[in-house]
Amino acid sequence: MILEVATLNIKKGLSADFELAFEKAQKIISAMAGYCNHQLQKCLEEEDKYILLVNWETLEAHTQGFRGSAEYQDWKKLLHHFYDPFPTVEHYIMINT
């Protein structure tokens, strides 16, 4: 399993709108092949900052399957205009349980 970690900095004052848009967008990602689960968490120390944690069966399920899909275009339309700067996205594998 691969953990995608995205740091999301939302434009000032748009967090409520972002959260509403994410409610719609999460239906897109959760229907993708290779998707396992996700969490969106809001930072306590920094206003308008979130992390998105998504577990994928494989790296390719995210980087090729999701990002290469028509559904990703819908995801982008819903969410990408909220970000400043564009999110940092990294992938992790578990080495110790």
PDB file of N, CA and C in Angstrom:
ATOM      1  N   MET A   1       0.836  -1.176   0.000  1.00  0.00           N
ATOM      2  CA  MET A   1       0.000   0.000   0.000  1.00  0.00           C
ATOM      3  C   MET A   1       0.883   1.242   0.000  1.00  0.00           C
ATOM      4  N   ILE A   2       0.425   2.279  -0.686  1.00  0.00           N
ATOM      5  CA  ILE A   2       1.137   3.545  -0.801  1.00  0.00           C
ATOM      6  C   ILE A   2       0.296   4.628  -0.140  1.00  0.00           C
ATOM      7  N   LEU A   3       0.942   5.479   0.648  1.00  0.00           N
ATOM      8  CA  LEU A   3       0.272   6.612   1.263  1.00  0.00           C
ATOM      9  C   LEU A   3       0.657   7.874   0.521  1.00  0.00           C
ATOM     10  N   GLU A   4      -0.326   8.534  -0.050  1.00  0.00           N
ATOM     11  CA  GLU A   4      -0.141   9.852  -0.664  1.00  0.00           C
ATOM     12  C   GLU A   4      -0.376  10.895   0.421  1.00  0.00           C
ATOM     13  N   VAL A   5       0.550  11.835   0.554  1.00  0.00           N
ATOM     14  CA  VAL A   5       0.425  12.920   1.517  1.00  0.00           C
ATOM     15  C   VAL A   5       0.490  14.233   0.742  1.00  0.00           C
ATOM     16  N   ALA A   6      -0.603  14.984   0.766  1.00  0.00           N
ATOM     17  CA  ALA A   6      -0.666  16.269   0.074  1.00  0.00           C
ATOM     18  C   ALA A   6      -0.874  17.372   1.101  1.00  0.00           C
ATOM     19  N   THR A   7       0.003  18.355   1.094  1.00  0.00           N
ATOM     20  CA  THR A   7      -0.137  19.528   1.947  1.00  0.00           C
ATOM     21  C   THR A   7      -0.887  20.583   1.142  1.00  0.00           C
ATOM     22  N   LEU A   8      -2.051  20.975   1.665  1.00  0.00           N
ATOM     23  CA  LEU A   8      -2.946  21.879   0.938  1.00  0.00           C
ATOM     24  C   LEU A   8      -3.032  23.218   1.654  1.00  0.00           C
ATOM     25  N   ASN A   9      -2.496  24.252   1.040  1.00  0.00           N
ATOM     26  CA  ASN A   9      -2.629  25.615   1.547  1.00  0.00           C
ATOM     27  C   ASN A   9      -3.724  26.290   0.737  1.00  0.00           C
ATOM     28  N   ILE A  10      -4.798  26.656   1.426  1.00  0.00           N
ATOM     29  CA  ILE A  10      -5.971  27.219   0.784  1.00  0.00           C
ATOM     30  C   ILE A  10      -5.880  28.742   0.829  1.00  0.00           C
ATOM     31  N   LYS A  11      -6.306  29.382  -0.252  1.00  0.00           N
ATOM     32  CA  LYS A  11      -6.300  30.846  -0.292  1.00  0.00           C
ATOM     33  C   LYS A  11      -7.088  31.391   0.898  1.00  0.00           C
ATOM     34  N   LYS A  12      -6.563  32.448   1.471  1.00  0.00           N
ATOM     35  CA  LYS A  12      -7.113  33.028   2.697  1.00  0.00           C
ATOM     36  C   LYS A  12      -8.621  33.258   2.568  1.00  0.00           C
ATOM     37  N   GLY A  13      -9.334  32.754   3.581  1.00  0.00           N
ATOM     38  CA  GLY A  13     -10.760  32.979   3.668  1.00  0.00           C
ATOM     39  C   GLY A  13     -11.629  32.047   2.850  1.00  0.00           C
ATOM     40  N   LEU A  14     -11.018  31.076   2.144  1.00  0.00           N
ATOM     41  CA  LEU A  14     -11.786  30.184   1.284  1.00  0.00           C
ATOM     42  C   LEU A  14     -11.937  28.769   1.842  1.00  0.00           C
ATOM     43  N   SER A  15     -11.560  28.570   3.086  1.00  0.00           N
ATOM     44  CA  SER A  15     -11.598  27.216   3.655  1.00  0.00           C
ATOM     45  C   SER A  15     -12.998  26.619   3.664  1.00  0.00           C
ATOM     46  N   ALA A  16     -14.002  27.391   4.015  1.00  0.00           N
ATOM     47  CA  ALA A  16     -15.370  26.858   4.060  1.00  0.00           C
ATOM     48  C   ALA A  16     -15.814  26.414   2.663  1.00  0.00           C
ATOM     49  N   ASP A  17     -15.507  27.225   1.653  1.00  0.00           N
ATOM     50  CA  ASP A  17     -15.844  26.866   0.271  1.00  0.00           C
ATOM     51  C   ASP A  17     -15.064  25.632  -0.176  1.00  0.00           C
ATOM     52  N   PHE A  18     -13.795  25.570   0.219  1.00  0.00           N
ATOM     53  CA  PHE A  18     -12.974  24.405  -0.109  1.00  0.00           C
ATOM     54  C   PHE A  18     -13.577  23.141   0.493  1.00  0.00           C
ATOM     55  N   GLU A  19     -13.973  23.199   1.744  1.00  0.00           N
ATOM     56  CA  GLU A  19     -14.533  22.023   2.404  1.00  0.00           C
ATOM     57  C   GLU A  19     -15.825  21.557   1.718  1.00  0.00           C
ATOM     58  N   LEU A  20     -16.643  22.472   1.276  1.00  0.00           N
ATOM     59  CA  LEU A  20     -17.853  22.103   0.536  1.00  0.00           C
ATOM     60  C   LEU A  20     -17.508  21.441  -0.796  1.00  0.00           C
ATOM     61  N   ALA A  21     -16.527  22.008  -1.492  1.00  0.00           N
ATOM     62  CA  ALA A  21     -16.099  21.430  -2.766  1.00  0.00           C
ATOM     63  C   ALA A  21     -15.479  20.058  -2.555  1.00  0.00           C
ATOM     64  N   PHE A  22     -14.739  19.890  -1.461  1.00  0.00           N
ATOM     65  CA  PHE A  22     -14.113  18.600  -1.188  1.00  0.00           C
ATOM     66  C   PHE A  22     -15.155  17.520  -0.936  1.00  0.00           C
ATOM     67  N   GLU A  23     -16.288  17.892  -0.340  1.00  0.00           N
ATOM     68  CA  GLU A  23     -17.375  16.920  -0.130  1.00  0.00           C
ATOM     69  C   GLU A  23     -17.769  16.287  -1.463  1.00  0.00           C
ATOM     70  N   LYS A  24     -17.823  17.080  -2.518  1.00  0.00           N
ATOM     71  CA  LYS A  24     -18.144  16.561  -3.854  1.00  0.00           C
ATOM     72  C   LYS A  24     -16.958  15.788  -4.434  1.00  0.00           C
ATOM     73  N   ALA A  25     -15.767  16.363  -4.289  1.00  0.00           N
ATOM     74  CA  ALA A  25     -14.569  15.784  -4.903  1.00  0.00           C
ATOM     75  C   ALA A  25     -14.216  14.424  -4.320  1.00  0.00           C
ATOM     76  N   GLN A  26     -14.482  14.214  -3.035  1.00  0.00           N
ATOM     77  CA  GLN A  26     -14.103  12.937  -2.428  1.00  0.00           C
ATOM     78  C   GLN A  26     -14.867  11.774  -3.041  1.00  0.00           C
ATOM     79  N   LYS A  27     -16.038  12.042  -3.590  1.00  0.00           N
ATOM     80  CA  LYS A  27     -16.797  10.991  -4.271  1.00  0.00           C
ATOM     81  C   LYS A  27     -16.083  10.549  -5.546  1.00  0.00           C
ATOM     82  N   ILE A  28     -15.359  11.476  -6.161  1.00  0.00           N
ATOM     83  CA  ILE A  28     -14.607  11.160  -7.384  1.00  0.00           C
ATOM     84  C   ILE A  28     -13.447  10.236  -7.045  1.00  0.00           C
ATOM     85  N   ILE A  29     -12.631  10.649  -6.087  1.00  0.00           N
ATOM     86  CA  ILE A  29     -11.415   9.883  -5.785  1.00  0.00           C
ATOM     87  C   ILE A  29     -11.753   8.518  -5.197  1.00  0.00           C
ATOM     88  N   SER A  30     -12.798   8.457  -4.383  1.00  0.00           N
ATOM     89  CA  SER A  30     -13.120   7.192  -3.732  1.00  0.00           C
ATOM     90  C   SER A  30     -13.661   6.148  -4.703  1.00  0.00           C
ATOM     91  N   ALA A  31     -14.040   6.560  -5.898  1.00  0.00           N
ATOM     92  CA  ALA A  31     -14.540   5.628  -6.908  1.00  0.00           C
ATOM     93  C   ALA A  31     -13.443   5.122  -7.851  1.00  0.00           C
ATOM     94  N   MET A  32     -12.204   5.581  -7.661  1.00  0.00           N
ATOM     95  CA  MET A  32     -11.119   5.229  -8.578  1.00  0.00           C
ATOM     96  C   MET A  32     -10.550   3.835  -8.290  1.00  0.00           C
ATOM     97  N   ALA A  33     -10.138   3.165  -9.339  1.00  0.00           N
ATOM     98  CA  ALA A  33      -9.470   1.868  -9.194  1.00  0.00           C
ATOM     99  C   ALA A  33      -8.186   2.057  -8.401  1.00  0.00           C
ATOM    100  N   GLY A  34      -7.957   1.175  -7.443  1.00  0.00           N
ATOM    101  CA  GLY A  34      -6.743   1.226  -6.637  1.00  0.00           C
ATOM    102  C   GLY A  34      -6.838   2.111  -5.417  1.00  0.00           C
ATOM    103  N   TYR A  35      -7.946   2.826  -5.271  1.00  0.00           N
ATOM    104  CA  TYR A  35      -8.164   3.667  -4.090  1.00  0.00           C
ATOM    105  C   TYR A  35      -8.521   2.770  -2.902  1.00  0.00           C
ATOM    106  N   CYS A  36      -7.964   3.090  -1.732  1.00  0.00           N
ATOM    107  CA  CYS A  36      -8.302   2.339  -0.518  1.00  0.00           C
ATOM    108  C   CYS A  36      -9.120   3.178   0.460  1.00  0.00           C
ATOM    109  N   ASN A  37      -8.606   4.350   0.852  1.00  0.00           N
ATOM    110  CA  ASN A  37      -9.307   5.237   1.772  1.00  0.00           C
ATOM    111  C   ASN A  37      -8.598   6.581   1.820  1.00  0.00           C
ATOM    112  N   HIS A  38      -9.225   7.551   2.467  1.00  0.00           N
ATOM    113  CA  HIS A  38      -8.596   8.867   2.593  1.00  0.00           C
ATOM    114  C   HIS A  38      -9.055   9.567   3.865  1.00  0.00           C
ATOM    115  N   GLN A  39      -8.279  10.597   4.218  1.00  0.00           N
ATOM    116  CA  GLN A  39      -8.604  11.488   5.327  1.00  0.00           C
ATOM    117  C   GLN A  39      -8.220  12.899   4.914  1.00  0.00           C
ATOM    118  N   LEU A  40      -9.067  13.855   5.213  1.00  0.00           N
ATOM    119  CA  LEU A  40      -8.720  15.265   5.074  1.00  0.00           C
ATOM    120  C   LEU A  40      -8.655  15.822   6.485  1.00  0.00           C
ATOM    121  N   GLN A  41      -7.521  16.408   6.847  1.00  0.00           N
ATOM    122  CA  GLN A  41      -7.347  16.933   8.197  1.00  0.00           C
ATOM    123  C   GLN A  41      -6.965  18.405   8.128  1.00  0.00           C
ATOM    124  N   LYS A  42      -7.566  19.188   9.023  1.00  0.00           N
ATOM    125  CA  LYS A  42      -7.333  20.632   9.082  1.00  0.00           C
ATOM    126  C   LYS A  42      -6.306  20.940  10.168  1.00  0.00           C
ATOM    127  N   CYS A  43      -5.376  21.804   9.833  1.00  0.00           N
ATOM    128  CA  CYS A  43      -4.322  22.191  10.759  1.00  0.00           C
ATOM    129  C   CYS A  43      -4.879  23.084  11.871  1.00  0.00           C
ATOM    130  N   LEU A  44      -4.456  22.840  13.088  1.00  0.00           N
ATOM    131  CA  LEU A  44      -4.868  23.668  14.218  1.00  0.00           C
ATOM    132  C   LEU A  44      -4.027  24.939  14.334  1.00  0.00           C
ATOM    133  N   GLU A  45      -2.769  24.851  13.939  1.00  0.00           N
ATOM    134  CA  GLU A  45      -1.851  25.981  14.119  1.00  0.00           C
ATOM    135  C   GLU A  45      -1.912  27.000  12.983  1.00  0.00           C
ATOM    136  N   GLU A  46      -2.228  26.541  11.783  1.00  0.00           N
ATOM    137  CA  GLU A  46      -2.225  27.443  10.631  1.00  0.00           C
ATOM    138  C   GLU A  46      -3.594  27.445   9.962  1.00  0.00           C
ATOM    139  N   GLU A  47      -4.227  28.605   9.978  1.00  0.00           N
ATOM    140  CA  GLU A  47      -5.541  28.739   9.344  1.00  0.00           C
ATOM    141  C   GLU A  47      -5.421  28.470   7.851  1.00  0.00           C
ATOM    142  N   ASP A  48      -6.418  27.846   7.286  1.00  0.00           N
ATOM    143  CA  ASP A  48      -6.480  27.569   5.845  1.00  0.00           C
ATOM    144  C   ASP A  48      -5.438  26.557   5.370  1.00  0.00           C
ATOM    145  N   LYS A  49      -4.978  25.678   6.254  1.00  0.00           N
ATOM    146  CA  LYS A  49      -4.016  24.636   5.874  1.00  0.00           C
ATOM    147  C   LYS A  49      -4.595  23.271   6.223  1.00  0.00           C
ATOM    148  N   TYR A  50      -4.405  22.309   5.296  1.00  0.00           N
ATOM    149  CA  TYR A  50      -4.926  20.956   5.444  1.00  0.00           C
ATOM    150  C   TYR A  50      -3.862  19.961   4.994  1.00  0.00           C
ATOM    151  N   ILE A  51      -4.056  18.715   5.395  1.00  0.00           N
ATOM    152  CA  ILE A  51      -3.333  17.626   4.752  1.00  0.00           C
ATOM    153  C   ILE A  51      -4.384  16.632   4.252  1.00  0.00           C
ATOM    154  N   LEU A  52      -4.099  16.096   3.091  1.00  0.00           N
ATOM    155  CA  LEU A  52      -4.928  15.041   2.512  1.00  0.00           C
ATOM    156  C   LEU A  52      -4.089  13.780   2.503  1.00  0.00           C
ATOM    157  N   LEU A  53      -4.591  12.732   3.129  1.00  0.00           N
ATOM    158  CA  LEU A  53      -3.917  11.439   3.196  1.00  0.00           C
ATOM    159  C   LEU A  53      -4.763  10.439   2.422  1.00  0.00           C
ATOM    160  N   VAL A  54      -4.168   9.842   1.398  1.00  0.00           N
ATOM    161  CA  VAL A  54      -4.900   8.875   0.585  1.00  0.00           C
ATOM    162  C   VAL A  54      -4.080   7.598   0.497  1.00  0.00           C
ATOM    163  N   ASN A  55      -4.682   6.486   0.828  1.00  0.00           N
ATOM    164  CA  ASN A  55      -4.037   5.186   0.651  1.00  0.00           C
ATOM    165  C   ASN A  55      -4.449   4.611  -0.694  1.00  0.00           C
ATOM    166  N   TRP A  56      -3.443   4.202  -1.454  1.00  0.00           N
ATOM    167  CA  TRP A  56      -3.617   3.595  -2.772  1.00  0.00           C
ATOM    168  C   TRP A  56      -3.015   2.202  -2.753  1.00  0.00           C
ATOM    169  N   GLU A  57      -3.553   1.307  -3.563  1.00  0.00           N
ATOM    170  CA  GLU A  57      -2.982  -0.043  -3.663  1.00  0.00           C
ATOM    171  C   GLU A  57      -1.575   0.005  -4.229  1.00  0.00           C
ATOM    172  N   THR A  58      -1.344   0.885  -5.231  1.00  0.00           N
ATOM    173  CA  THR A  58      -0.025   1.027  -5.847  1.00  0.00           C
ATOM    174  C   THR A  58       0.227   2.500  -6.155  1.00  0.00           C
ATOM    175  N   LEU A  59       1.472   2.854  -6.362  1.00  0.00           N
ATOM    176  CA  LEU A  59       1.827   4.208  -6.772  1.00  0.00           C
ATOM    177  C   LEU A  59       1.161   4.550  -8.101  1.00  0.00           C
ATOM    178  N   GLU A  60       1.160   3.592  -9.027  1.00  0.00           N
ATOM    179  CA  GLU A  60       0.598   3.813 -10.349  1.00  0.00           C
ATOM    180  C   GLU A  60      -0.920   4.058 -10.312  1.00  0.00           C
ATOM    181  N   ALA A  61      -1.597   3.486  -9.327  1.00  0.00           N
ATOM    182  CA  ALA A  61      -3.036   3.740  -9.195  1.00  0.00           C
ATOM    183  C   ALA A  61      -3.292   5.236  -9.021  1.00  0.00           C
ATOM    184  N   HIS A  62      -2.383   5.908  -8.329  1.00  0.00           N
ATOM    185  CA  HIS A  62      -2.518   7.352  -8.154  1.00  0.00           C
ATOM    186  C   HIS A  62      -1.939   8.128  -9.325  1.00  0.00           C
ATOM    187  N   THR A  63      -0.664   7.884  -9.624  1.00  0.00           N
ATOM    188  CA  THR A  63       0.049   8.733 -10.585  1.00  0.00           C
ATOM    189  C   THR A  63      -0.392   8.531 -12.027  1.00  0.00           C
ATOM    190  N   GLN A  64      -0.791   7.321 -12.370  1.00  0.00           N
ATOM    191  CA  GLN A  64      -1.217   7.060 -13.746  1.00  0.00           C
ATOM    192  C   GLN A  64      -2.734   6.898 -13.831  1.00  0.00           C
ATOM    193  N   GLY A  65      -3.288   6.046 -12.964  1.00  0.00           N
ATOM    194  CA  GLY A  65      -4.724   5.768 -13.016  1.00  0.00           C
ATOM    195  C   GLY A  65      -5.564   6.999 -12.711  1.00  0.00           C
ATOM    196  N   PHE A  66      -5.410   7.564 -11.519  1.00  0.00           N
ATOM    197  CA  PHE A  66      -6.214   8.716 -11.132  1.00  0.00           C
ATOM    198  C   PHE A  66      -5.823   9.961 -11.916  1.00  0.00           C
ATOM    199  N   ARG A  67      -4.551  10.314 -11.880  1.00  0.00           N
ATOM    200  CA  ARG A  67      -4.130  11.550 -12.552  1.00  0.00           C
ATOM    201  C   ARG A  67      -4.300  11.497 -14.068  1.00  0.00           C
ATOM    202  N   GLY A  68      -4.330  10.314 -14.635  1.00  0.00           N
ATOM    203  CA  GLY A  68      -4.509  10.181 -16.076  1.00  0.00           C
ATOM    204  C   GLY A  68      -5.953  10.012 -16.511  1.00  0.00           C
ATOM    205  N   SER A  69      -6.870  10.094 -15.567  1.00  0.00           N
ATOM    206  CA  SER A  69      -8.279   9.805 -15.857  1.00  0.00           C
ATOM    207  C   SER A  69      -9.066  11.069 -16.207  1.00  0.00           C
ATOM    208  N   ALA A  70     -10.188  10.858 -16.873  1.00  0.00           N
ATOM    209  CA  ALA A  70     -11.117  11.955 -17.142  1.00  0.00           C
ATOM    210  C   ALA A  70     -11.674  12.503 -15.832  1.00  0.00           C
ATOM    211  N   GLU A  71     -11.866  11.631 -14.846  1.00  0.00           N
ATOM    212  CA  GLU A  71     -12.386  12.053 -13.544  1.00  0.00           C
ATOM    213  C   GLU A  71     -11.457  13.048 -12.847  1.00  0.00           C
ATOM    214  N   TYR A  72     -10.154  12.918 -13.102  1.00  0.00           N
ATOM    215  CA  TYR A  72      -9.193  13.848 -12.506  1.00  0.00           C
ATOM    216  C   TYR A  72      -9.451  15.271 -12.988  1.00  0.00           C
ATOM    217  N   GLN A  73      -9.907  15.421 -14.222  1.00  0.00           N
ATOM    218  CA  GLN A  73     -10.231  16.755 -14.734  1.00  0.00           C
ATOM    219  C   GLN A  73     -11.368  17.379 -13.918  1.00  0.00           C
ATOM    220  N   ASP A  74     -12.335  16.569 -13.524  1.00  0.00           N
ATOM    221  CA  ASP A  74     -13.427  17.054 -12.674  1.00  0.00           C
ATOM    222  C   ASP A  74     -12.901  17.428 -11.281  1.00  0.00           C
ATOM    223  N   TRP A  75     -11.994  16.608 -10.744  1.00  0.00           N
ATOM    224  CA  TRP A  75     -11.339  16.881  -9.452  1.00  0.00           C
ATOM    225  C   TRP A  75     -10.635  18.233  -9.507  1.00  0.00           C
ATOM    226  N   LYS A  76      -9.873  18.436 -10.582  1.00  0.00           N
ATOM    227  CA  LYS A  76      -9.140  19.692 -10.743  1.00  0.00           C
ATOM    228  C   LYS A  76     -10.088  20.887 -10.782  1.00  0.00           C
ATOM    229  N   LYS A  77     -11.173  20.773 -11.515  1.00  0.00           N
ATOM    230  CA  LYS A  77     -12.138  21.880 -11.615  1.00  0.00           C
ATOM    231  C   LYS A  77     -12.742  22.218 -10.262  1.00  0.00           C
ATOM    232  N   LEU A  78     -12.986  21.211  -9.467  1.00  0.00           N
ATOM    233  CA  LEU A  78     -13.573  21.429  -8.148  1.00  0.00           C
ATOM    234  C   LEU A  78     -12.594  22.048  -7.154  1.00  0.00           C
ATOM    235  N   LEU A  79     -11.312  21.660  -7.209  1.00  0.00           N
ATOM    236  CA  LEU A  79     -10.391  21.970  -6.109  1.00  0.00           C
ATOM    237  C   LEU A  79      -9.191  22.846  -6.438  1.00  0.00           C
ATOM    238  N   HIS A  80      -8.642  22.741  -7.618  1.00  0.00           N
ATOM    239  CA  HIS A  80      -7.329  23.352  -7.853  1.00  0.00           C
ATOM    240  C   HIS A  80      -7.304  24.871  -7.733  1.00  0.00           C
ATOM    241  N   HIS A  81      -8.405  25.543  -7.937  1.00  0.00           N
ATOM    242  CA  HIS A  81      -8.411  27.008  -7.834  1.00  0.00           C
ATOM    243  C   HIS A  81      -8.336  27.504  -6.380  1.00  0.00           C
ATOM    244  N   PHE A  82      -8.459  26.600  -5.412  1.00  0.00           N
ATOM    245  CA  PHE A  82      -8.358  26.987  -4.001  1.00  0.00           C
ATOM    246  C   PHE A  82      -6.914  27.070  -3.507  1.00  0.00           C
ATOM    247  N   TYR A  83      -5.968  26.459  -4.198  1.00  0.00           N
ATOM    248  CA  TYR A  83      -4.617  26.283  -3.669  1.00  0.00           C
ATOM    249  C   TYR A  83      -3.699  27.467  -3.963  1.00  0.00           C
ATOM    250  N   ASP A  84      -2.914  27.835  -2.952  1.00  0.00           N
ATOM    251  CA  ASP A  84      -1.846  28.821  -3.129  1.00  0.00           C
ATOM    252  C   ASP A  84      -0.832  28.631  -2.011  1.00  0.00           C
ATOM    253  N   PRO A  85       0.336  28.081  -2.333  1.00  0.00           N
ATOM    254  CA  PRO A  85       0.781  27.602  -3.649  1.00  0.00           C
ATOM    255  C   PRO A  85       0.170  26.233  -3.970  1.00  0.00           C
ATOM    256  N   PHE A  86       0.519  25.723  -5.150  1.00  0.00           N
ATOM    257  CA  PHE A  86       0.034  24.408  -5.536  1.00  0.00           C
ATOM    258  C   PHE A  86       0.577  23.372  -4.553  1.00  0.00           C
ATOM    259  N   PRO A  87      -0.217  22.365  -4.197  1.00  0.00           N
ATOM    260  CA  PRO A  87       0.175  21.416  -3.152  1.00  0.00           C
ATOM    261  C   PRO A  87       1.456  20.636  -3.440  1.00  0.00           C
ATOM    262  N   THR A  88       2.156  20.376  -2.361  1.00  0.00           N
ATOM    263  CA  THR A  88       3.252  19.423  -2.385  1.00  0.00           C
ATOM    264  C   THR A  88       2.640  18.043  -2.163  1.00  0.00           C
ATOM    265  N   VAL A  89       2.950  17.100  -3.054  1.00  0.00           N
ATOM    266  CA  VAL A  89       2.415  15.741  -2.944  1.00  0.00           C
ATOM    267  C   VAL A  89       3.588  14.774  -2.883  1.00  0.00           C
ATOM    268  N   GLU A  90       3.591  13.932  -1.864  1.00  0.00           N
ATOM    269  CA  GLU A  90       4.635  12.924  -1.686  1.00  0.00           C
ATOM    270  C   GLU A  90       3.977  11.578  -1.451  1.00  0.00           C
ATOM    271  N   HIS A  91       4.740  10.521  -1.700  1.00  0.00           N
ATOM    272  CA  HIS A  91       4.239   9.155  -1.536  1.00  0.00           C
ATOM    273  C   HIS A  91       5.140   8.413  -0.569  1.00  0.00           C
ATOM    274  N   TYR A  92       4.518   7.621   0.311  1.00  0.00           N
ATOM    275  CA  TYR A  92       5.243   6.904   1.360  1.00  0.00           C
ATOM    276  C   TYR A  92       4.849   5.431   1.363  1.00  0.00           C
ATOM    277  N   ILE A  93       5.799   4.606   1.797  1.00  0.00           N
ATOM    278  CA  ILE A  93       5.524   3.201   2.044  1.00  0.00           C
ATOM    279  C   ILE A  93       5.831   2.911   3.505  1.00  0.00           C
ATOM    280  N   MET A  94       5.076   2.004   4.093  1.00  0.00           N
ATOM    281  CA  MET A  94       5.284   1.645   5.496  1.00  0.00           C
ATOM    282  C   MET A  94       6.494   0.714   5.599  1.00  0.00           C
ATOM    283  N   ILE A  95       7.358   1.007   6.529  1.00  0.00           N
ATOM    284  CA  ILE A  95       8.527   0.155   6.736  1.00  0.00           C
ATOM    285  C   ILE A  95       8.476  -0.589   8.060  1.00  0.00           C
ATOM    286  N   ASN A  96       7.582  -0.148   8.960  1.00  0.00           N
ATOM    287  CA  ASN A  96       7.481  -0.784  10.266  1.00  0.00           C
ATOM    288  C   ASN A  96       6.055  -0.606  10.776  1.00  0.00           C
ATOM    289  N   THR A  97       5.462  -1.671  11.262  1.00  0.00           N
ATOM    290  CA  THR A  97       4.100  -1.564  11.775  1.00  0.00           C
ATOM    291  C   THR A  97       4.064  -1.479  13.275  1.00  0.00           C
TER     292      THR A  97
END
